[in-house]
């Protein structure tokens, strides 16, 4: 039986030795963030669910190789971003889903009075390049550090900083009333 105060490190160790219950607890701790990130990147719940499922399957298969050089969250997000990229390549040329759905994922559980703001954010995010949208979602909506983003996207920290700066500048230009 697992202890409620078990650390993430202990759960990772148990999961890497084949303990399904430990892996399930790790999934419970991270699935919502993974879904929100995937949904923010893809704009469709069905695509986000597929990507998260593929991410968790890859994580389950690879947990024994997780070396702890980054946080588990960062490792999972890096897997997720590869899955998002694979889906985008597979569906190249197909448009993203409704902007309202994307906005709801990014600004969740808000009162109806904020629907217009969500639509504005969704439209603007949809208009950003994939590179800018990635860093913006990971930083502003998921709260990842620059180093975590760099590791997740497998790019230098300086690239994260410059993409984030440019994405924020573009947001300010497009949304002066919110900046």
C-alpha atoms as a PDB file:
ATOM      1  CA  UNK A   1       0.000   0.000   0.000  1.00  0.00           C
ATOM      2  CA  UNK A   2       1.297   3.445  -0.874  1.00  0.00           C
ATOM      3  CA  UNK A   3       1.811   6.138   1.694  1.00  0.00           C
ATOM      4  CA  UNK A   4      -0.108   9.393   1.129  1.00  0.00           C
ATOM      5  CA  UNK A   5       3.026  11.427   1.829  1.00  0.00           C
ATOM      6  CA  UNK A   6       5.097   9.622  -0.797  1.00  0.00           C
ATOM      7  CA  UNK A   7       7.240  12.033  -2.765  1.00  0.00           C
ATOM      8  CA  UNK A   8       7.173  12.262  -6.521  1.00  0.00           C
ATOM      9  CA  UNK A   9      10.685  10.827  -6.560  1.00  0.00           C
ATOM     10  CA  UNK A  10       9.505   7.764  -4.640  1.00  0.00           C
ATOM     11  CA  UNK A  11       6.587   7.317  -7.015  1.00  0.00           C
ATOM     12  CA  UNK A  12       8.914   7.590 -10.010  1.00  0.00           C
ATOM     13  CA  UNK A  13      11.202   4.967  -8.517  1.00  0.00           C
ATOM     14  CA  UNK A  14       8.291   2.615  -7.911  1.00  0.00           C
ATOM     15  CA  UNK A  15       6.833   3.264 -11.368  1.00  0.00           C
ATOM     16  CA  UNK A  16      10.186   2.626 -13.022  1.00  0.00           C
ATOM     17  CA  UNK A  17      10.149  -0.814 -11.389  1.00  0.00           C
ATOM     18  CA  UNK A  18       6.765  -1.611 -12.902  1.00  0.00           C
ATOM     19  CA  UNK A  19       4.404  -0.389 -10.168  1.00  0.00           C
ATOM     20  CA  UNK A  20       1.281   0.614 -12.099  1.00  0.00           C
ATOM     21  CA  UNK A  21      -0.379   2.206  -9.078  1.00  0.00           C
ATOM     22  CA  UNK A  22       2.577   4.551  -8.621  1.00  0.00           C
ATOM     23  CA  UNK A  23       2.468   5.510 -12.295  1.00  0.00           C
ATOM     24  CA  UNK A  24      -1.277   6.120 -11.996  1.00  0.00           C
ATOM     25  CA  UNK A  25      -0.657   8.548  -9.115  1.00  0.00           C
ATOM     26  CA  UNK A  26       1.897  10.387 -11.257  1.00  0.00           C
ATOM     27  CA  UNK A  27      -0.635  10.564 -14.094  1.00  0.00           C
ATOM     28  CA  UNK A  28      -3.252  11.943 -11.709  1.00  0.00           C
ATOM     29  CA  UNK A  29      -0.827  14.656 -10.647  1.00  0.00           C
ATOM     30  CA  UNK A  30       0.115  15.768 -14.166  1.00  0.00           C
ATOM     31  CA  UNK A  31      -2.682  14.867 -16.603  1.00  0.00           C
ATOM     32  CA  UNK A  32      -4.648  18.100 -16.196  1.00  0.00           C
ATOM     33  CA  UNK A  33      -1.635  20.293 -16.962  1.00  0.00           C
ATOM     34  CA  UNK A  34      -0.754  18.108 -19.953  1.00  0.00           C
ATOM     35  CA  UNK A  35      -4.298  18.314 -21.289  1.00  0.00           C
ATOM     36  CA  UNK A  36      -4.473  22.093 -20.829  1.00  0.00           C
ATOM     37  CA  UNK A  37      -1.141  22.496 -22.630  1.00  0.00           C
ATOM     38  CA  UNK A  38      -2.153  20.202 -25.492  1.00  0.00           C
ATOM     39  CA  UNK A  39      -5.524  21.921 -25.793  1.00  0.00           C
ATOM     40  CA  UNK A  40      -3.885  25.327 -25.813  1.00  0.00           C
ATOM     41  CA  UNK A  41      -1.540  24.193 -28.574  1.00  0.00           C
ATOM     42  CA  UNK A  42      -4.083  22.319 -30.694  1.00  0.00           C
ATOM     43  CA  UNK A  43      -7.437  23.927 -29.935  1.00  0.00           C
ATOM     44  CA  UNK A  44      -9.439  20.682 -30.076  1.00  0.00           C
ATOM     45  CA  UNK A  45     -10.360  18.522 -27.110  1.00  0.00           C
ATOM     46  CA  UNK A  46     -10.245  15.302 -29.135  1.00  0.00           C
ATOM     47  CA  UNK A  47      -6.752  16.075 -30.428  1.00  0.00           C
ATOM     48  CA  UNK A  48      -5.591  17.093 -26.956  1.00  0.00           C
ATOM     49  CA  UNK A  49      -6.923  13.853 -25.473  1.00  0.00           C
ATOM     50  CA  UNK A  50      -5.170  11.803 -28.160  1.00  0.00           C
ATOM     51  CA  UNK A  51      -1.878  13.629 -27.643  1.00  0.00           C
ATOM     52  CA  UNK A  52      -2.067  13.289 -23.853  1.00  0.00           C
ATOM     53  CA  UNK A  53      -2.850   9.582 -24.171  1.00  0.00           C
ATOM     54  CA  UNK A  54       0.126   9.095 -26.523  1.00  0.00           C
ATOM     55  CA  UNK A  55       2.296  11.133 -24.150  1.00  0.00           C
ATOM     56  CA  UNK A  56       1.347   9.032 -21.134  1.00  0.00           C
ATOM     57  CA  UNK A  57       1.877   5.805 -23.050  1.00  0.00           C
ATOM     58  CA  UNK A  58       5.342   6.981 -24.098  1.00  0.00           C
ATOM     59  CA  UNK A  59       6.063   8.056 -20.524  1.00  0.00           C
ATOM     60  CA  UNK A  60       4.941   4.682 -19.166  1.00  0.00           C
ATOM     61  CA  UNK A  61       7.212   2.891 -21.619  1.00  0.00           C
ATOM     62  CA  UNK A  62      10.117   5.215 -20.871  1.00  0.00           C
ATOM     63  CA  UNK A  63       9.782   5.884 -17.123  1.00  0.00           C
ATOM     64  CA  UNK A  64      12.604   3.468 -16.340  1.00  0.00           C
ATOM     65  CA  UNK A  65      14.909   5.659 -18.454  1.00  0.00           C
ATOM     66  CA  UNK A  66      13.863   8.895 -16.712  1.00  0.00           C
ATOM     67  CA  UNK A  67      17.088  10.140 -15.146  1.00  0.00           C
ATOM     68  CA  UNK A  68      15.755  13.002 -13.070  1.00  0.00           C
ATOM     69  CA  UNK A  69      17.921  15.641 -14.738  1.00  0.00           C
ATOM     70  CA  UNK A  70      14.748  17.680 -15.053  1.00  0.00           C
ATOM     71  CA  UNK A  71      11.474  17.636 -13.196  1.00  0.00           C
ATOM     72  CA  UNK A  72       8.976  14.974 -14.175  1.00  0.00           C
ATOM     73  CA  UNK A  73       6.651  17.724 -15.401  1.00  0.00           C
ATOM     74  CA  UNK A  74       9.329  19.084 -17.736  1.00  0.00           C
ATOM     75  CA  UNK A  75      10.055  15.583 -19.038  1.00  0.00           C
ATOM     76  CA  UNK A  76       6.348  14.934 -19.638  1.00  0.00           C
ATOM     77  CA  UNK A  77       5.866  18.275 -21.398  1.00  0.00           C
ATOM     78  CA  UNK A  78       8.835  17.537 -23.679  1.00  0.00           C
ATOM     79  CA  UNK A  79       7.185  14.249 -24.650  1.00  0.00           C
ATOM     80  CA  UNK A  80       3.884  16.084 -25.115  1.00  0.00           C
ATOM     81  CA  UNK A  81       5.463  18.701 -27.381  1.00  0.00           C
ATOM     82  CA  UNK A  82       6.946  15.960 -29.579  1.00  0.00           C
ATOM     83  CA  UNK A  83       3.498  14.361 -29.790  1.00  0.00           C
ATOM     84  CA  UNK A  84       1.935  17.725 -30.717  1.00  0.00           C
ATOM     85  CA  UNK A  85       4.559  18.177 -33.441  1.00  0.00           C
ATOM     86  CA  UNK A  86       3.901  14.686 -34.814  1.00  0.00           C
ATOM     87  CA  UNK A  87       0.150  15.353 -34.913  1.00  0.00           C
ATOM     88  CA  UNK A  88       0.684  18.689 -36.660  1.00  0.00           C
ATOM     89  CA  UNK A  89       2.917  17.059 -39.265  1.00  0.00           C
ATOM     90  CA  UNK A  90       0.367  14.319 -39.774  1.00  0.00           C
ATOM     91  CA  UNK A  91      -2.424  16.852 -40.266  1.00  0.00           C
ATOM     92  CA  UNK A  92      -0.446  19.500 -42.083  1.00  0.00           C
ATOM     93  CA  UNK A  93      -2.698  21.839 -43.976  1.00  0.00           C
ATOM     94  CA  UNK A  94      -5.761  21.156 -41.856  1.00  0.00           C
ATOM     95  CA  UNK A  95      -7.040  24.094 -39.843  1.00  0.00           C
ATOM     96  CA  UNK A  96      -7.257  24.285 -36.101  1.00  0.00           C
ATOM     97  CA  UNK A  97     -10.605  23.970 -34.349  1.00  0.00           C
ATOM     98  CA  UNK A  98     -12.830  26.753 -33.075  1.00  0.00           C
ATOM     99  CA  UNK A  99     -11.232  29.697 -31.385  1.00  0.00           C
ATOM    100  CA  UNK A 100     -13.744  29.688 -28.538  1.00  0.00           C
ATOM    101  CA  UNK A 101     -12.729  26.140 -27.607  1.00  0.00           C
ATOM    102  CA  UNK A 102      -9.069  27.136 -27.588  1.00  0.00           C
ATOM    103  CA  UNK A 103      -9.777  30.219 -25.511  1.00  0.00           C
ATOM    104  CA  UNK A 104     -11.752  28.197 -22.965  1.00  0.00           C
ATOM    105  CA  UNK A 105      -8.801  25.851 -22.570  1.00  0.00           C
ATOM    106  CA  UNK A 106      -6.423  28.703 -22.010  1.00  0.00           C
ATOM    107  CA  UNK A 107      -8.662  30.808 -19.782  1.00  0.00           C
ATOM    108  CA  UNK A 108     -10.677  28.043 -18.069  1.00  0.00           C
ATOM    109  CA  UNK A 109     -13.660  28.316 -15.740  1.00  0.00           C
ATOM    110  CA  UNK A 110     -14.337  32.004 -16.129  1.00  0.00           C
ATOM    111  CA  UNK A 111     -17.743  33.699 -15.770  1.00  0.00           C
ATOM    112  CA  UNK A 112     -19.794  34.327 -18.915  1.00  0.00           C
ATOM    113  CA  UNK A 113     -18.866  38.024 -18.729  1.00  0.00           C
ATOM    114  CA  UNK A 114     -15.348  37.080 -19.822  1.00  0.00           C
ATOM    115  CA  UNK A 115     -16.393  35.256 -22.999  1.00  0.00           C
ATOM    116  CA  UNK A 116     -15.335  38.169 -25.208  1.00  0.00           C
ATOM    117  CA  UNK A 117     -11.910  38.295 -23.567  1.00  0.00           C
ATOM    118  CA  UNK A 118     -11.529  34.539 -24.121  1.00  0.00           C
ATOM    119  CA  UNK A 119     -12.468  34.948 -27.770  1.00  0.00           C
ATOM    120  CA  UNK A 120      -9.949  37.770 -28.159  1.00  0.00           C
ATOM    121  CA  UNK A 121      -7.206  35.672 -26.560  1.00  0.00           C
ATOM    122  CA  UNK A 122      -8.136  32.642 -28.658  1.00  0.00           C
ATOM    123  CA  UNK A 123      -8.097  34.626 -31.900  1.00  0.00           C
ATOM    124  CA  UNK A 124      -4.807  36.251 -31.110  1.00  0.00           C
ATOM    125  CA  UNK A 125      -3.161  32.996 -30.040  1.00  0.00           C
ATOM    126  CA  UNK A 126      -4.395  31.340 -33.213  1.00  0.00           C
ATOM    127  CA  UNK A 127      -2.732  34.149 -35.161  1.00  0.00           C
ATOM    128  CA  UNK A 128       0.658  33.668 -33.514  1.00  0.00           C
ATOM    129  CA  UNK A 129       3.295  31.453 -35.049  1.00  0.00           C
ATOM    130  CA  UNK A 130       3.552  27.965 -33.559  1.00  0.00           C
ATOM    131  CA  UNK A 131       6.885  28.904 -31.973  1.00  0.00           C
ATOM    132  CA  UNK A 132       5.445  31.957 -30.243  1.00  0.00           C
ATOM    133  CA  UNK A 133       2.253  30.161 -29.200  1.00  0.00           C
ATOM    134  CA  UNK A 134       4.280  27.302 -27.692  1.00  0.00           C
ATOM    135  CA  UNK A 135       6.427  29.452 -25.431  1.00  0.00           C
ATOM    136  CA  UNK A 136       3.532  31.717 -24.489  1.00  0.00           C
ATOM    137  CA  UNK A 137       1.248  28.844 -23.482  1.00  0.00           C
ATOM    138  CA  UNK A 138       4.007  27.091 -21.536  1.00  0.00           C
ATOM    139  CA  UNK A 139       5.114  30.253 -19.712  1.00  0.00           C
ATOM    140  CA  UNK A 140       1.981  32.297 -19.180  1.00  0.00           C
ATOM    141  CA  UNK A 141      -0.662  29.613 -18.886  1.00  0.00           C
ATOM    142  CA  UNK A 142       1.298  26.673 -17.485  1.00  0.00           C
ATOM    143  CA  UNK A 143       3.744  28.718 -15.399  1.00  0.00           C
ATOM    144  CA  UNK A 144       6.856  26.913 -16.569  1.00  0.00           C
ATOM    145  CA  UNK A 145      10.241  28.541 -16.001  1.00  0.00           C
ATOM    146  CA  UNK A 146      12.428  29.578 -18.946  1.00  0.00           C
ATOM    147  CA  UNK A 147      14.742  26.657 -18.232  1.00  0.00           C
ATOM    148  CA  UNK A 148      11.835  24.192 -18.120  1.00  0.00           C
ATOM    149  CA  UNK A 149      10.518  25.520 -21.422  1.00  0.00           C
ATOM    150  CA  UNK A 150      13.966  25.294 -22.999  1.00  0.00           C
ATOM    151  CA  UNK A 151      14.331  21.723 -21.866  1.00  0.00           C
ATOM    152  CA  UNK A 152      10.805  20.759 -22.903  1.00  0.00           C
ATOM    153  CA  UNK A 153      11.165  22.247 -26.376  1.00  0.00           C
ATOM    154  CA  UNK A 154      14.829  21.229 -26.682  1.00  0.00           C
ATOM    155  CA  UNK A 155      15.926  24.759 -27.553  1.00  0.00           C
ATOM    156  CA  UNK A 156      18.383  27.135 -25.848  1.00  0.00           C
ATOM    157  CA  UNK A 157      17.121  29.342 -23.036  1.00  0.00           C
ATOM    158  CA  UNK A 158      18.022  32.441 -25.067  1.00  0.00           C
ATOM    159  CA  UNK A 159      15.726  31.261 -27.835  1.00  0.00           C
ATOM    160  CA  UNK A 160      12.921  30.854 -25.298  1.00  0.00           C
ATOM    161  CA  UNK A 161      13.542  34.380 -24.023  1.00  0.00           C
ATOM    162  CA  UNK A 162      13.561  35.946 -27.490  1.00  0.00           C
ATOM    163  CA  UNK A 163      10.469  34.028 -28.661  1.00  0.00           C
ATOM    164  CA  UNK A 164       8.626  34.943 -25.492  1.00  0.00           C
ATOM    165  CA  UNK A 165       9.615  38.598 -25.834  1.00  0.00           C
ATOM    166  CA  UNK A 166       8.421  38.696 -29.435  1.00  0.00           C
ATOM    167  CA  UNK A 167       5.199  36.862 -28.585  1.00  0.00           C
ATOM    168  CA  UNK A 168       4.445  39.300 -25.758  1.00  0.00           C
ATOM    169  CA  UNK A 169       5.193  42.280 -28.008  1.00  0.00           C
ATOM    170  CA  UNK A 170       2.821  40.898 -30.611  1.00  0.00           C
ATOM    171  CA  UNK A 171       0.149  40.356 -27.952  1.00  0.00           C
ATOM    172  CA  UNK A 172       0.540  43.924 -26.697  1.00  0.00           C
ATOM    173  CA  UNK A 173       0.224  45.251 -30.231  1.00  0.00           C
ATOM    174  CA  UNK A 174      -2.887  43.192 -30.910  1.00  0.00           C
ATOM    175  CA  UNK A 175      -4.499  43.646 -27.489  1.00  0.00           C
ATOM    176  CA  UNK A 176      -3.637  47.113 -26.157  1.00  0.00           C
ATOM    177  CA  UNK A 177      -6.703  47.080 -23.904  1.00  0.00           C
ATOM    178  CA  UNK A 178      -5.372  43.999 -22.065  1.00  0.00           C
ATOM    179  CA  UNK A 179      -1.676  44.887 -21.941  1.00  0.00           C
END
